[in-house]
C-alpha atoms as a PDB file:
ATOM      1  CA  MET A   1     194.531  23.105-190.086  1.00  0.00           C
ATOM      2  CA  HIS A   2     194.167  23.336-193.755  1.00  0.00           C
ATOM      3  CA  LEU A   3     190.514  24.144-193.902  1.00  0.00           C
ATOM      4  CA  THR A   4     191.186  26.836-191.368  1.00  0.00           C
ATOM      5  CA  LEU A   5     193.867  28.374-193.480  1.00  0.00           C
ATOM      6  CA  THR A   6     191.583  28.634-196.261  1.00  0.00           C
ATOM      7  CA  LYS A   7     188.759  30.244-194.617  1.00  0.00           C
ATOM      8  CA  LEU A   8     191.318  32.702-193.560  1.00  0.00           C
ATOM      9  CA  LYS A   9     192.414  32.947-197.155  1.00  0.00           C
ATOM     10  CA  VAL A  10     196.133  32.024-196.270  1.00  0.00           C
ATOM     11  CA  ASP A  11     198.649  30.828-198.796  1.00  0.00           C
ATOM     12  CA  LYS A  12     201.941  30.614-197.175  1.00  0.00           C
ATOM     13  CA  ALA A  13     202.054  30.488-193.296  1.00  0.00           C
ATOM     14  CA  LEU A  14     204.425  29.888-190.659  1.00  0.00           C
ATOM     15  CA  VAL A  15     202.874  28.420-187.881  1.00  0.00           C
ATOM     16  CA  VAL A  16     204.581  29.247-184.421  1.00  0.00           C
ATOM     17  CA  ILE A  17     204.064  27.104-181.363  1.00  0.00           C
ATOM     18  CA  GLU A  18     205.116  27.010-177.992  1.00  0.00           C
ATOM     19  CA  GLY A  19     206.907  23.585-177.336  1.00  0.00           C
ATOM     20  CA  GLU A  20     205.907  20.315-179.036  1.00  0.00           C
ATOM     21  CA  ASN A  21     202.644  19.606-180.469  1.00  0.00           C
ATOM     22  CA  LYS A  22     202.570  16.286-182.222  1.00  0.00           C
ATOM     23  CA  ASN A  23     199.038  16.822-183.858  1.00  0.00           C
ATOM     24  CA  VAL A  24     199.903  20.296-185.480  1.00  0.00           C
ATOM     25  CA  VAL A  25     203.372  19.483-186.424  1.00  0.00           C
ATOM     26  CA  LEU A  26     201.985  16.395-188.317  1.00  0.00           C
ATOM     27  CA  SER A  27     198.988  18.361-189.773  1.00  0.00           C
ATOM     28  CA  GLY A  28     201.527  21.181-191.193  1.00  0.00           C
ATOM     29  CA  ARG A  29     203.743  18.696-192.594  1.00  0.00           C
ATOM     30  CA  ASN A  30     200.898  17.622-194.749  1.00  0.00           C
ATOM     31  CA  ILE A  31     200.290  21.077-196.496  1.00  0.00           C
ATOM     32  CA  PRO A  32     203.316  22.210-198.628  1.00  0.00           C
ATOM     33  CA  THR A  33     202.597  26.042-197.880  1.00  0.00           C
ATOM     34  CA  VAL A  34     202.782  25.838-194.238  1.00  0.00           C
ATOM     35  CA  LYS A  35     205.810  25.390-191.873  1.00  0.00           C
ATOM     36  CA  VAL A  36     205.259  24.518-188.253  1.00  0.00           C
ATOM     37  CA  SER A  37     208.183  25.860-185.888  1.00  0.00           C
ATOM     38  CA  ALA A  38     208.687  25.908-181.846  1.00  0.00           C
ATOM     39  CA  THR A  39     209.465  29.397-180.391  1.00  0.00           C
ATOM     40  CA  ASN A  40     213.083  28.021-180.149  1.00  0.00           C
ATOM     41  CA  GLU A  41     213.536  27.407-183.748  1.00  0.00           C
ATOM     42  CA  ILE A  42     212.136  30.404-185.433  1.00  0.00           C
ATOM     43  CA  ASN A  43     214.419  32.470-187.456  1.00  0.00           C
ATOM     44  CA  THR A  44     214.617  35.612-189.465  1.00  0.00           C
ATOM     45  CA  TYR A  45     214.513  33.963-192.843  1.00  0.00           C
ATOM     46  CA  ASP A  46     211.397  31.922-191.972  1.00  0.00           C
ATOM     47  CA  VAL A  47     209.426  35.062-190.465  1.00  0.00           C
ATOM     48  CA  LEU A  48     210.133  36.939-193.845  1.00  0.00           C
ATOM     49  CA  LYS A  49     209.689  33.938-196.292  1.00  0.00           C
ATOM     50  CA  TYR A  50     206.287  33.380-195.175  1.00  0.00           C
ATOM     51  CA  GLU A  51     203.217  35.748-195.957  1.00  0.00           C
ATOM     52  CA  THR A  52     201.375  35.111-192.940  1.00  0.00           C
ATOM     53  CA  LEU A  53     202.364  34.337-189.198  1.00  0.00           C
ATOM     54  CA  VAL A  54     200.216  32.319-187.028  1.00  0.00           C
ATOM     55  CA  VAL A  55     201.414  32.334-183.217  1.00  0.00           C
ATOM     56  CA  THR A  56     199.419  30.716-180.330  1.00  0.00           C
ATOM     57  CA  LYS A  57     198.830  32.711-177.499  1.00  0.00           C
ATOM     58  CA  ALA A  58     201.382  30.314-175.578  1.00  0.00           C
ATOM     59  CA  ALA A  59     204.077  31.237-178.300  1.00  0.00           C
ATOM     60  CA  VAL A  60     203.654  35.029-177.950  1.00  0.00           C
ATOM     61  CA  GLU A  61     203.916  34.815-174.184  1.00  0.00           C
ATOM     62  CA  LYS A  62     206.900  32.688-174.601  1.00  0.00           C
ATOM     63  CA  LEU A  63     208.469  35.083-177.181  1.00  0.00           C
ATOM     64  CA  GLU A  64     207.655  38.104-174.839  1.00  0.00           C
ATOM     65  CA  GLU A  65     209.423  36.434-172.251  1.00  0.00           C
ATOM     66  CA  VAL A  66     212.483  35.566-174.039  1.00  0.00           C
ATOM     67  CA  TYR A  67     212.743  38.961-175.611  1.00  0.00           C
ATOM     68  CA  ALA A  68     211.168  41.459-174.078  1.00  0.00           C
END
């Protein structure tokens, strides 16, 4: 994950996923400037705190379903 974020020139990122993905959570935990959250855990503070928001397609669909 870190190599991908480096290629994208991302320093601080909030990664939003749908459901639980143990590998993504464990990978994100190793990078101090990255936070991984599920769609049901995100909040306004985190969205504003991080410079970049990385959202999976499944997470976008879930957010549209809940908030649209």
